[in-house]
């Protein structure tokens, strides 16, 4: 489930006993450089 689009929506399902992990990326789109972080959305790490 994601709420980024405004309203919550189910965008994918997974058939498994274990719940998958969701990840996100934070990006700084600079004039000269691009810097990025990969984040575990279940912990914020």
ModelCIF file with pLDDT and N, C-alpha, C, O atoms, coordinates in Angstrom:
data_MODEL
#
_entry.id   MODEL 
#
_entity.id                         1 
_entity.type                       polymer 
_entity.pdbx_number_of_molecules   1 
#
_entity_poly.entity_id                      1 
_entity_poly.type                           'polypeptide(L)' 
_entity_poly.nstd_linkage                   no 
_entity_poly.nstd_monomer                   no 
_entity_poly.pdbx_seq_one_letter_code       
;(UNK)(UNK)(UNK)(UNK)(UNK)(UNK)(UNK)(UNK)(UNK)(UNK)(UNK)(UNK)(UNK)(UNK)(UNK)(UNK)
(UNK)(UNK)(UNK)(UNK)(UNK)(UNK)(UNK)(UNK)(UNK)(UNK)(UNK)(UNK)(UNK)(UNK)(UNK)(UNK)
(UNK)(UNK)(UNK)(UNK)(UNK)(UNK)(UNK)(UNK)(UNK)(UNK)(UNK)(UNK)(UNK)
;
_entity_poly.pdbx_seq_one_letter_code_can   XXXXXXXXXXXXXXXXXXXXXXXXXXXXXXXXXXXXXXXXXXXXX 
_entity_poly.pdbx_strand_id                 A 
#
loop_
_entity_poly_seq.entity_id 
_entity_poly_seq.num 
_entity_poly_seq.mon_id 
_entity_poly_seq.hetero 
1 1  UNK n 
1 2  UNK n 
1 3  UNK n 
1 4  UNK n 
1 5  UNK n 
1 6  UNK n 
1 7  UNK n 
1 8  UNK n 
1 9  UNK n 
1 10 UNK n 
1 11 UNK n 
1 12 UNK n 
1 13 UNK n 
1 14 UNK n 
1 15 UNK n 
1 16 UNK n 
1 17 UNK n 
1 18 UNK n 
1 19 UNK n 
1 20 UNK n 
1 21 UNK n 
1 22 UNK n 
1 23 UNK n 
1 24 UNK n 
1 25 UNK n 
1 26 UNK n 
1 27 UNK n 
1 28 UNK n 
1 29 UNK n 
1 30 UNK n 
1 31 UNK n 
1 32 UNK n 
1 33 UNK n 
1 34 UNK n 
1 35 UNK n 
1 36 UNK n 
1 37 UNK n 
1 38 UNK n 
1 39 UNK n 
1 40 UNK n 
1 41 UNK n 
1 42 UNK n 
1 43 UNK n 
1 44 UNK n 
1 45 UNK n 
#
_struct_asym.id          A 
_struct_asym.entity_id   1 
#
loop_
_ma_qa_metric.id 
_ma_qa_metric.mode 
_ma_qa_metric.name 
_ma_qa_metric.software_group_id 
_ma_qa_metric.type 
1 global pLDDT . pLDDT 
2 local  pLDDT . pLDDT 
#
_ma_qa_metric_global.metric_id      1 
_ma_qa_metric_global.metric_value   91.49 
_ma_qa_metric_global.model_id       1 
_ma_qa_metric_global.ordinal_id     1 
#
loop_
_ma_qa_metric_local.label_asym_id 
_ma_qa_metric_local.label_comp_id 
_ma_qa_metric_local.label_seq_id 
_ma_qa_metric_local.metric_id 
_ma_qa_metric_local.metric_value 
_ma_qa_metric_local.model_id 
_ma_qa_metric_local.ordinal_id 
A UNK 1  2 93.00 1 1  
A UNK 2  2 93.00 1 2  
A UNK 3  2 93.00 1 3  
A UNK 4  2 92.00 1 4  
A UNK 5  2 89.00 1 5  
A UNK 6  2 86.00 1 6  
A UNK 7  2 89.00 1 7  
A UNK 8  2 93.00 1 8  
A UNK 9  2 94.00 1 9  
A UNK 10 2 93.00 1 10 
A UNK 11 2 92.00 1 11 
A UNK 12 2 91.00 1 12 
A UNK 13 2 90.00 1 13 
A UNK 14 2 90.00 1 14 
A UNK 15 2 88.00 1 15 
A UNK 16 2 82.00 1 16 
A UNK 17 2 80.00 1 17 
A UNK 18 2 85.00 1 18 
A UNK 19 2 88.00 1 19 
A UNK 20 2 91.00 1 20 
A UNK 21 2 93.00 1 21 
A UNK 22 2 95.00 1 22 
A UNK 23 2 97.00 1 23 
A UNK 24 2 97.00 1 24 
A UNK 25 2 97.00 1 25 
A UNK 26 2 97.00 1 26 
A UNK 27 2 97.00 1 27 
A UNK 28 2 95.00 1 28 
A UNK 29 2 96.00 1 29 
A UNK 30 2 90.00 1 30 
A UNK 31 2 87.00 1 31 
A UNK 32 2 82.00 1 32 
A UNK 33 2 86.00 1 33 
A UNK 34 2 92.00 1 34 
A UNK 35 2 91.00 1 35 
A UNK 36 2 94.00 1 36 
A UNK 37 2 95.00 1 37 
A UNK 38 2 96.00 1 38 
A UNK 39 2 95.00 1 39 
A UNK 40 2 95.00 1 40 
A UNK 41 2 94.00 1 41 
A UNK 42 2 90.00 1 42 
A UNK 43 2 91.00 1 43 
A UNK 44 2 91.00 1 44 
A UNK 45 2 92.00 1 45 
#
loop_
_atom_site.group_PDB 
_atom_site.id 
_atom_site.type_symbol 
_atom_site.label_atom_id 
_atom_site.label_alt_id 
_atom_site.label_comp_id 
_atom_site.label_asym_id 
_atom_site.label_entity_id 
_atom_site.label_seq_id 
_atom_site.pdbx_PDB_ins_code 
_atom_site.Cartn_x 
_atom_site.Cartn_y 
_atom_site.Cartn_z 
_atom_site.occupancy 
_atom_site.B_iso_or_equiv 
_atom_site.pdbx_formal_charge 
_atom_site.auth_seq_id 
_atom_site.auth_comp_id 
_atom_site.auth_asym_id 
_atom_site.auth_atom_id 
_atom_site.pdbx_PDB_model_num 
ATOM 1   N N  . UNK A 1 1  ? 0.854  -1.198  0.000   1.00 93.00 ? 1  UNK A N  1 
ATOM 2   C CA . UNK A 1 1  ? 0.000  0.000   0.000   1.00 93.00 ? 1  UNK A CA 1 
ATOM 3   C C  . UNK A 1 1  ? 0.882  1.238   0.000   1.00 93.00 ? 1  UNK A C  1 
ATOM 4   O O  . UNK A 1 1  ? 1.843  1.324   0.765   1.00 93.00 ? 1  UNK A O  1 
ATOM 5   N N  . UNK A 1 2  ? 0.557  2.193   -0.856  1.00 93.00 ? 2  UNK A N  1 
ATOM 6   C CA . UNK A 1 2  ? 1.252  3.472   -0.867  1.00 93.00 ? 2  UNK A CA 1 
ATOM 7   C C  . UNK A 1 2  ? 0.250  4.608   -0.748  1.00 93.00 ? 2  UNK A C  1 
ATOM 8   O O  . UNK A 1 2  ? -0.860 4.535   -1.274  1.00 93.00 ? 2  UNK A O  1 
ATOM 9   N N  . UNK A 1 3  ? 0.664  5.668   -0.040  1.00 93.00 ? 3  UNK A N  1 
ATOM 10  C CA . UNK A 1 3  ? -0.187 6.859   0.086   1.00 93.00 ? 3  UNK A CA 1 
ATOM 11  C C  . UNK A 1 3  ? 0.440  8.072   -0.604  1.00 93.00 ? 3  UNK A C  1 
ATOM 12  O O  . UNK A 1 3  ? -0.085 9.180   -0.499  1.00 93.00 ? 3  UNK A O  1 
ATOM 13  N N  . UNK A 1 4  ? 1.543  7.876   -1.300  1.00 92.00 ? 4  UNK A N  1 
ATOM 14  C CA . UNK A 1 4  ? 2.239  9.003   -1.926  1.00 92.00 ? 4  UNK A CA 1 
ATOM 15  C C  . UNK A 1 4  ? 1.360  9.708   -2.945  1.00 92.00 ? 4  UNK A C  1 
ATOM 16  O O  . UNK A 1 4  ? 1.425  10.931  -3.070  1.00 92.00 ? 4  UNK A O  1 
ATOM 17  N N  . UNK A 1 5  ? 0.538  8.961   -3.676  1.00 89.00 ? 5  UNK A N  1 
ATOM 18  C CA . UNK A 1 5  ? -0.293 9.554   -4.714  1.00 89.00 ? 5  UNK A CA 1 
ATOM 19  C C  . UNK A 1 5  ? -1.444 10.381  -4.187  1.00 89.00 ? 5  UNK A C  1 
ATOM 20  O O  . UNK A 1 5  ? -2.177 10.978  -4.976  1.00 89.00 ? 5  UNK A O  1 
ATOM 21  N N  . UNK A 1 6  ? -1.627 10.438  -2.872  1.00 86.00 ? 6  UNK A N  1 
ATOM 22  C CA . UNK A 1 6  ? -2.727 11.198  -2.273  1.00 86.00 ? 6  UNK A CA 1 
ATOM 23  C C  . UNK A 1 6  ? -3.673 10.286  -1.541  1.00 86.00 ? 6  UNK A C  1 
ATOM 24  O O  . UNK A 1 6  ? -3.810 10.384  -0.322  1.00 86.00 ? 6  UNK A O  1 
ATOM 25  N N  . UNK A 1 7  ? -4.341 9.384   -2.271  1.00 89.00 ? 7  UNK A N  1 
ATOM 26  C CA . UNK A 1 7  ? -5.230 8.393   -1.664  1.00 89.00 ? 7  UNK A CA 1 
ATOM 27  C C  . UNK A 1 7  ? -4.483 7.072   -1.547  1.00 89.00 ? 7  UNK A C  1 
ATOM 28  O O  . UNK A 1 7  ? -3.725 6.715   -2.449  1.00 89.00 ? 7  UNK A O  1 
ATOM 29  N N  . UNK A 1 8  ? -4.682 6.335   -0.445  1.00 93.00 ? 8  UNK A N  1 
ATOM 30  C CA . UNK A 1 8  ? -4.019 5.033   -0.324  1.00 93.00 ? 8  UNK A CA 1 
ATOM 31  C C  . UNK A 1 8  ? -4.479 4.079   -1.421  1.00 93.00 ? 8  UNK A C  1 
ATOM 32  O O  . UNK A 1 8  ? -5.656 4.043   -1.779  1.00 93.00 ? 8  UNK A O  1 
ATOM 33  N N  . UNK A 1 9  ? -3.541 3.315   -1.942  1.00 94.00 ? 9  UNK A N  1 
ATOM 34  C CA . UNK A 1 9  ? -3.872 2.359   -2.987  1.00 94.00 ? 9  UNK A CA 1 
ATOM 35  C C  . UNK A 1 9  ? -2.972 1.132   -2.873  1.00 94.00 ? 9  UNK A C  1 
ATOM 36  O O  . UNK A 1 9  ? -1.819 1.226   -2.451  1.00 94.00 ? 9  UNK A O  1 
ATOM 37  N N  . UNK A 1 10 ? -3.517 -0.010  -3.254  1.00 93.00 ? 10 UNK A N  1 
ATOM 38  C CA . UNK A 1 10 ? -2.734 -1.235  -3.334  1.00 93.00 ? 10 UNK A CA 1 
ATOM 39  C C  . UNK A 1 10 ? -2.131 -1.291  -4.733  1.00 93.00 ? 10 UNK A C  1 
ATOM 40  O O  . UNK A 1 10 ? -2.856 -1.305  -5.728  1.00 93.00 ? 10 UNK A O  1 
ATOM 41  N N  . UNK A 1 11 ? -0.793 -1.324  -4.804  1.00 92.00 ? 11 UNK A N  1 
ATOM 42  C CA . UNK A 1 11 ? -0.147 -1.301  -6.121  1.00 92.00 ? 11 UNK A CA 1 
ATOM 43  C C  . UNK A 1 11 ? 0.492  -2.639  -6.482  1.00 92.00 ? 11 UNK A C  1 
ATOM 44  O O  . UNK A 1 11 ? 0.900  -2.836  -7.626  1.00 92.00 ? 11 UNK A O  1 
ATOM 45  N N  . UNK A 1 12 ? 0.583  -3.555  -5.530  1.00 91.00 ? 12 UNK A N  1 
ATOM 46  C CA . UNK A 1 12 ? 1.219  -4.838  -5.809  1.00 91.00 ? 12 UNK A CA 1 
ATOM 47  C C  . UNK A 1 12 ? 0.819  -5.838  -4.742  1.00 91.00 ? 12 UNK A C  1 
ATOM 48  O O  . UNK A 1 12 ? 0.536  -5.454  -3.608  1.00 91.00 ? 12 UNK A O  1 
ATOM 49  N N  . UNK A 1 13 ? 0.792  -7.130  -5.095  1.00 90.00 ? 13 UNK A N  1 
ATOM 50  C CA . UNK A 1 13 ? 0.594  -8.185  -4.106  1.00 90.00 ? 13 UNK A CA 1 
ATOM 51  C C  . UNK A 1 13 ? 1.715  -9.206  -4.257  1.00 90.00 ? 13 UNK A C  1 
ATOM 52  O O  . UNK A 1 13 ? 2.387  -9.279  -5.285  1.00 90.00 ? 13 UNK A O  1 
ATOM 53  N N  . UNK A 1 14 ? 1.893  -9.990  -3.199  1.00 90.00 ? 14 UNK A N  1 
ATOM 54  C CA . UNK A 1 14 ? 2.937  -11.011 -3.199  1.00 90.00 ? 14 UNK A CA 1 
ATOM 55  C C  . UNK A 1 14 ? 2.372  -12.296 -2.610  1.00 90.00 ? 14 UNK A C  1 
ATOM 56  O O  . UNK A 1 14 ? 1.733  -12.272 -1.558  1.00 90.00 ? 14 UNK A O  1 
ATOM 57  N N  . UNK A 1 15 ? 2.604  -13.407 -3.279  1.00 88.00 ? 15 UNK A N  1 
ATOM 58  C CA . UNK A 1 15 ? 2.133  -14.708 -2.807  1.00 88.00 ? 15 UNK A CA 1 
ATOM 59  C C  . UNK A 1 15 ? 3.263  -15.411 -2.067  1.00 88.00 ? 15 UNK A C  1 
ATOM 60  O O  . UNK A 1 15 ? 4.127  -16.044 -2.674  1.00 88.00 ? 15 UNK A O  1 
ATOM 61  N N  . UNK A 1 16 ? 3.238  -15.290 -0.772  1.00 82.00 ? 16 UNK A N  1 
ATOM 62  C CA . UNK A 1 16 ? 4.279  -15.915 0.047   1.00 82.00 ? 16 UNK A CA 1 
ATOM 63  C C  . UNK A 1 16 ? 3.873  -15.834 1.505   1.00 82.00 ? 16 UNK A C  1 
ATOM 64  O O  . UNK A 1 16 ? 3.110  -14.952 1.899   1.00 82.00 ? 16 UNK A O  1 
ATOM 65  N N  . UNK A 1 17 ? 4.390  -16.765 2.312   1.00 80.00 ? 17 UNK A N  1 
ATOM 66  C CA . UNK A 1 17 ? 4.106  -16.727 3.741   1.00 80.00 ? 17 UNK A CA 1 
ATOM 67  C C  . UNK A 1 17 ? 4.815  -15.554 4.412   1.00 80.00 ? 17 UNK A C  1 
ATOM 68  O O  . UNK A 1 17 ? 4.316  -14.992 5.387   1.00 80.00 ? 17 UNK A O  1 
ATOM 69  N N  . UNK A 1 18 ? 5.975  -15.193 3.885   1.00 85.00 ? 18 UNK A N  1 
ATOM 70  C CA . UNK A 1 18 ? 6.719  -14.069 4.468   1.00 85.00 ? 18 UNK A CA 1 
ATOM 71  C C  . UNK A 1 18 ? 6.339  -12.769 3.769   1.00 85.00 ? 18 UNK A C  1 
ATOM 72  O O  . UNK A 1 18 ? 6.113  -12.733 2.559   1.00 85.00 ? 18 UNK A O  1 
ATOM 73  N N  . UNK A 1 19 ? 6.275  -11.711 4.562   1.00 88.00 ? 19 UNK A N  1 
ATOM 74  C CA . UNK A 1 19 ? 5.945  -10.389 4.002   1.00 88.00 ? 19 UNK A CA 1 
ATOM 75  C C  . UNK A 1 19 ? 7.218  -9.763  3.435   1.00 88.00 ? 19 UNK A C  1 
ATOM 76  O O  . UNK A 1 19 ? 8.224  -9.671  4.139   1.00 88.00 ? 19 UNK A O  1 
ATOM 77  N N  . UNK A 1 20 ? 7.190  -9.332  2.173   1.00 91.00 ? 20 UNK A N  1 
ATOM 78  C CA . UNK A 1 20 ? 8.398  -8.735  1.571   1.00 91.00 ? 20 UNK A CA 1 
ATOM 79  C C  . UNK A 1 20 ? 8.751  -7.415  2.243   1.00 91.00 ? 20 UNK A C  1 
ATOM 80  O O  . UNK A 1 20 ? 7.958  -6.852  2.997   1.00 91.00 ? 20 UNK A O  1 
ATOM 81  N N  . UNK A 1 21 ? 9.946  -6.936  1.957   1.00 93.00 ? 21 UNK A N  1 
ATOM 82  C CA . UNK A 1 21 ? 10.367 -5.621  2.428   1.00 93.00 ? 21 UNK A CA 1 
ATOM 83  C C  . UNK A 1 21 ? 10.155 -4.597  1.315   1.00 93.00 ? 21 UNK A C  1 
ATOM 84  O O  . UNK A 1 21 ? 10.335 -4.882  0.131   1.00 93.00 ? 21 UNK A O  1 
ATOM 85  N N  . UNK A 1 22 ? 9.774  -3.420  1.731   1.00 95.00 ? 22 UNK A N  1 
ATOM 86  C CA . UNK A 1 22 ? 9.643  -2.304  0.789   1.00 95.00 ? 22 UNK A CA 1 
ATOM 87  C C  . UNK A 1 22 ? 10.801 -1.347  1.009   1.00 95.00 ? 22 UNK A C  1 
ATOM 88  O O  . UNK A 1 22 ? 11.226 -1.119  2.142   1.00 95.00 ? 22 UNK A O  1 
ATOM 89  N N  . UNK A 1 23 ? 11.308 -0.787  -0.083  1.00 97.00 ? 23 UNK A N  1 
ATOM 90  C CA . UNK A 1 23 ? 12.435 0.129   -0.014  1.00 97.00 ? 23 UNK A CA 1 
ATOM 91  C C  . UNK A 1 23 ? 12.073 1.441   -0.701  1.00 97.00 ? 23 UNK A C  1 
ATOM 92  O O  . UNK A 1 23 ? 11.181 1.494   -1.548  1.00 97.00 ? 23 UNK A O  1 
ATOM 93  N N  . UNK A 1 24 ? 12.770 2.475   -0.324  1.00 97.00 ? 24 UNK A N  1 
ATOM 94  C CA . UNK A 1 24 ? 12.601 3.780   -0.957  1.00 97.00 ? 24 UNK A CA 1 
ATOM 95  C C  . UNK A 1 24 ? 13.949 4.400   -1.243  1.00 97.00 ? 24 UNK A C  1 
ATOM 96  O O  . UNK A 1 24 ? 14.961 4.004   -0.664  1.00 97.00 ? 24 UNK A O  1 
ATOM 97  N N  . UNK A 1 25 ? 13.961 5.375   -2.138  1.00 97.00 ? 25 UNK A N  1 
ATOM 98  C CA . UNK A 1 25 ? 15.190 6.106   -2.425  1.00 97.00 ? 25 UNK A CA 1 
ATOM 99  C C  . UNK A 1 25 ? 14.957 7.596   -2.191  1.00 97.00 ? 25 UNK A C  1 
ATOM 100 O O  . UNK A 1 25 ? 13.937 8.160   -2.589  1.00 97.00 ? 25 UNK A O  1 
ATOM 101 N N  . UNK A 1 26 ? 15.932 8.210   -1.535  1.00 97.00 ? 26 UNK A N  1 
ATOM 102 C CA . UNK A 1 26 ? 15.952 9.662   -1.368  1.00 97.00 ? 26 UNK A CA 1 
ATOM 103 C C  . UNK A 1 26 ? 17.017 10.207  -2.303  1.00 97.00 ? 26 UNK A C  1 
ATOM 104 O O  . UNK A 1 26 ? 18.139 9.700   -2.328  1.00 97.00 ? 26 UNK A O  1 
ATOM 105 N N  . UNK A 1 27 ? 16.678 11.237  -3.073  1.00 97.00 ? 27 UNK A N  1 
ATOM 106 C CA . UNK A 1 27 ? 17.565 11.755  -4.105  1.00 97.00 ? 27 UNK A CA 1 
ATOM 107 C C  . UNK A 1 27 ? 17.784 13.252  -3.924  1.00 97.00 ? 27 UNK A C  1 
ATOM 108 O O  . UNK A 1 27 ? 16.840 14.007  -3.689  1.00 97.00 ? 27 UNK A O  1 
ATOM 109 N N  . UNK A 1 28 ? 19.051 13.672  -4.037  1.00 95.00 ? 28 UNK A N  1 
ATOM 110 C CA . UNK A 1 28 ? 19.351 15.093  -4.208  1.00 95.00 ? 28 UNK A CA 1 
ATOM 111 C C  . UNK A 1 28 ? 19.755 15.284  -5.657  1.00 95.00 ? 28 UNK A C  1 
ATOM 112 O O  . UNK A 1 28 ? 20.835 14.860  -6.068  1.00 95.00 ? 28 UNK A O  1 
ATOM 113 N N  . UNK A 1 29 ? 18.888 15.922  -6.431  1.00 96.00 ? 29 UNK A N  1 
ATOM 114 C CA . UNK A 1 29 ? 19.170 16.184  -7.846  1.00 96.00 ? 29 UNK A CA 1 
ATOM 115 C C  . UNK A 1 29 ? 19.838 17.546  -7.943  1.00 96.00 ? 29 UNK A C  1 
ATOM 116 O O  . UNK A 1 29 ? 19.175 18.568  -8.120  1.00 96.00 ? 29 UNK A O  1 
ATOM 117 N N  . UNK A 1 30 ? 21.159 17.546  -7.825  1.00 90.00 ? 30 UNK A N  1 
ATOM 118 C CA . UNK A 1 30 ? 21.913 18.791  -7.850  1.00 90.00 ? 30 UNK A CA 1 
ATOM 119 C C  . UNK A 1 30 ? 22.267 19.224  -9.261  1.00 90.00 ? 30 UNK A C  1 
ATOM 120 O O  . UNK A 1 30 ? 22.197 18.433  -10.201 1.00 90.00 ? 30 UNK A O  1 
ATOM 121 N N  . UNK A 1 31 ? 22.645 20.478  -9.400  1.00 87.00 ? 31 UNK A N  1 
ATOM 122 C CA . UNK A 1 31 ? 23.029 21.006  -10.700 1.00 87.00 ? 31 UNK A CA 1 
ATOM 123 C C  . UNK A 1 31 ? 24.277 20.302  -11.237 1.00 87.00 ? 31 UNK A C  1 
ATOM 124 O O  . UNK A 1 31 ? 24.427 20.105  -12.443 1.00 87.00 ? 31 UNK A O  1 
ATOM 125 N N  . UNK A 1 32 ? 25.165 19.931  -10.320 1.00 82.00 ? 32 UNK A N  1 
ATOM 126 C CA . UNK A 1 32 ? 26.413 19.277  -10.701 1.00 82.00 ? 32 UNK A CA 1 
ATOM 127 C C  . UNK A 1 32 ? 26.412 17.790  -10.410 1.00 82.00 ? 32 UNK A C  1 
ATOM 128 O O  . UNK A 1 32 ? 26.914 17.001  -11.211 1.00 82.00 ? 32 UNK A O  1 
ATOM 129 N N  . UNK A 1 33 ? 25.853 17.396  -9.270  1.00 86.00 ? 33 UNK A N  1 
ATOM 130 C CA . UNK A 1 33 ? 25.917 15.994  -8.851  1.00 86.00 ? 33 UNK A CA 1 
ATOM 131 C C  . UNK A 1 33 ? 24.541 15.481  -8.423  1.00 86.00 ? 33 UNK A C  1 
ATOM 132 O O  . UNK A 1 33 ? 23.635 16.249  -8.100  1.00 86.00 ? 33 UNK A O  1 
ATOM 133 N N  . UNK A 1 34 ? 24.424 14.163  -8.433  1.00 92.00 ? 34 UNK A N  1 
ATOM 134 C CA . UNK A 1 34 ? 23.242 13.475  -7.911  1.00 92.00 ? 34 UNK A CA 1 
ATOM 135 C C  . UNK A 1 34 ? 23.709 12.596  -6.755  1.00 92.00 ? 34 UNK A C  1 
ATOM 136 O O  . UNK A 1 34 ? 24.637 11.803  -6.914  1.00 92.00 ? 34 UNK A O  1 
ATOM 137 N N  . UNK A 1 35 ? 23.085 12.731  -5.617  1.00 91.00 ? 35 UNK A N  1 
ATOM 138 C CA . UNK A 1 35 ? 23.401 11.889  -4.462  1.00 91.00 ? 35 UNK A CA 1 
ATOM 139 C C  . UNK A 1 35 ? 22.137 11.142  -4.056  1.00 91.00 ? 35 UNK A C  1 
ATOM 140 O O  . UNK A 1 35 ? 21.034 11.675  -4.172  1.00 91.00 ? 35 UNK A O  1 
ATOM 141 N N  . UNK A 1 36 ? 22.295 9.908   -3.579  1.00 94.00 ? 36 UNK A N  1 
ATOM 142 C CA . UNK A 1 36 ? 21.122 9.067   -3.329  1.00 94.00 ? 36 UNK A CA 1 
ATOM 143 C C  . UNK A 1 36 ? 21.322 8.165   -2.119  1.00 94.00 ? 36 UNK A C  1 
ATOM 144 O O  . UNK A 1 36 ? 22.440 7.759   -1.804  1.00 94.00 ? 36 UNK A O  1 
ATOM 145 N N  . UNK A 1 37 ? 20.214 7.862   -1.449  1.00 95.00 ? 37 UNK A N  1 
ATOM 146 C CA . UNK A 1 37 ? 20.186 6.943   -0.316  1.00 95.00 ? 37 UNK A CA 1 
ATOM 147 C C  . UNK A 1 37 ? 19.149 5.860   -0.578  1.00 95.00 ? 37 UNK A C  1 
ATOM 148 O O  . UNK A 1 37 ? 18.068 6.145   -1.093  1.00 95.00 ? 37 UNK A O  1 
ATOM 149 N N  . UNK A 1 38 ? 19.472 4.625   -0.228  1.00 96.00 ? 38 UNK A N  1 
ATOM 150 C CA . UNK A 1 38 ? 18.505 3.528   -0.258  1.00 96.00 ? 38 UNK A CA 1 
ATOM 151 C C  . UNK A 1 38 ? 18.062 3.270   1.173   1.00 96.00 ? 38 UNK A C  1 
ATOM 152 O O  . UNK A 1 38 ? 18.889 3.100   2.068   1.00 96.00 ? 38 UNK A O  1 
ATOM 153 N N  . UNK A 1 39 ? 16.751 3.241   1.382   1.00 95.00 ? 39 UNK A N  1 
ATOM 154 C CA . UNK A 1 39 ? 16.203 3.174   2.728   1.00 95.00 ? 39 UNK A CA 1 
ATOM 155 C C  . UNK A 1 39 ? 15.246 1.998   2.863   1.00 95.00 ? 39 UNK A C  1 
ATOM 156 O O  . UNK A 1 39 ? 14.417 1.759   1.984   1.00 95.00 ? 39 UNK A O  1 
ATOM 157 N N  . UNK A 1 40 ? 15.363 1.261   3.971   1.00 95.00 ? 40 UNK A N  1 
ATOM 158 C CA . UNK A 1 40 ? 14.417 0.198   4.319   1.00 95.00 ? 40 UNK A CA 1 
ATOM 159 C C  . UNK A 1 40 ? 13.177 0.858   4.907   1.00 95.00 ? 40 UNK A C  1 
ATOM 160 O O  . UNK A 1 40 ? 13.245 1.458   5.980   1.00 95.00 ? 40 UNK A O  1 
ATOM 161 N N  . UNK A 1 41 ? 12.047 0.754   4.218   1.00 94.00 ? 41 UNK A N  1 
ATOM 162 C CA . UNK A 1 41 ? 10.832 1.448   4.661   1.00 94.00 ? 41 UNK A CA 1 
ATOM 163 C C  . UNK A 1 41 ? 10.129 0.752   5.816   1.00 94.00 ? 41 UNK A C  1 
ATOM 164 O O  . UNK A 1 41 ? 9.106  1.236   6.300   1.00 94.00 ? 41 UNK A O  1 
ATOM 165 N N  . UNK A 1 42 ? 10.667 -0.383  6.266   1.00 90.00 ? 42 UNK A N  1 
ATOM 166 C CA . UNK A 1 42 ? 10.096 -1.009  7.455   1.00 90.00 ? 42 UNK A CA 1 
ATOM 167 C C  . UNK A 1 42 ? 10.800 -0.552  8.727   1.00 90.00 ? 42 UNK A C  1 
ATOM 168 O O  . UNK A 1 42 ? 10.281 -0.733  9.828   1.00 90.00 ? 42 UNK A O  1 
ATOM 169 N N  . UNK A 1 43 ? 11.989 0.045   8.571   1.00 91.00 ? 43 UNK A N  1 
ATOM 170 C CA . UNK A 1 43 ? 12.756 0.481   9.743   1.00 91.00 ? 43 UNK A CA 1 
ATOM 171 C C  . UNK A 1 43 ? 13.253 1.924   9.631   1.00 91.00 ? 43 UNK A C  1 
ATOM 172 O O  . UNK A 1 43 ? 13.536 2.554   10.650  1.00 91.00 ? 43 UNK A O  1 
ATOM 173 N N  . UNK A 1 44 ? 13.363 2.451   8.425   1.00 91.00 ? 44 UNK A N  1 
ATOM 174 C CA . UNK A 1 44 ? 13.951 3.769   8.224   1.00 91.00 ? 44 UNK A CA 1 
ATOM 175 C C  . UNK A 1 44 ? 15.460 3.735   8.118   1.00 91.00 ? 44 UNK A C  1 
ATOM 176 O O  . UNK A 1 44 ? 16.094 4.783   7.988   1.00 91.00 ? 44 UNK A O  1 
ATOM 177 N N  . UNK A 1 45 ? 16.048 2.548   8.171   1.00 92.00 ? 45 UNK A N  1 
ATOM 178 C CA . UNK A 1 45 ? 17.502 2.426   8.138   1.00 92.00 ? 45 UNK A CA 1 
ATOM 179 C C  . UNK A 1 45 ? 18.046 2.694   6.734   1.00 92.00 ? 45 UNK A C  1 
ATOM 180 O O  . UNK A 1 45 ? 19.257 2.634   6.520   1.00 92.00 ? 45 UNK A O  1 
#
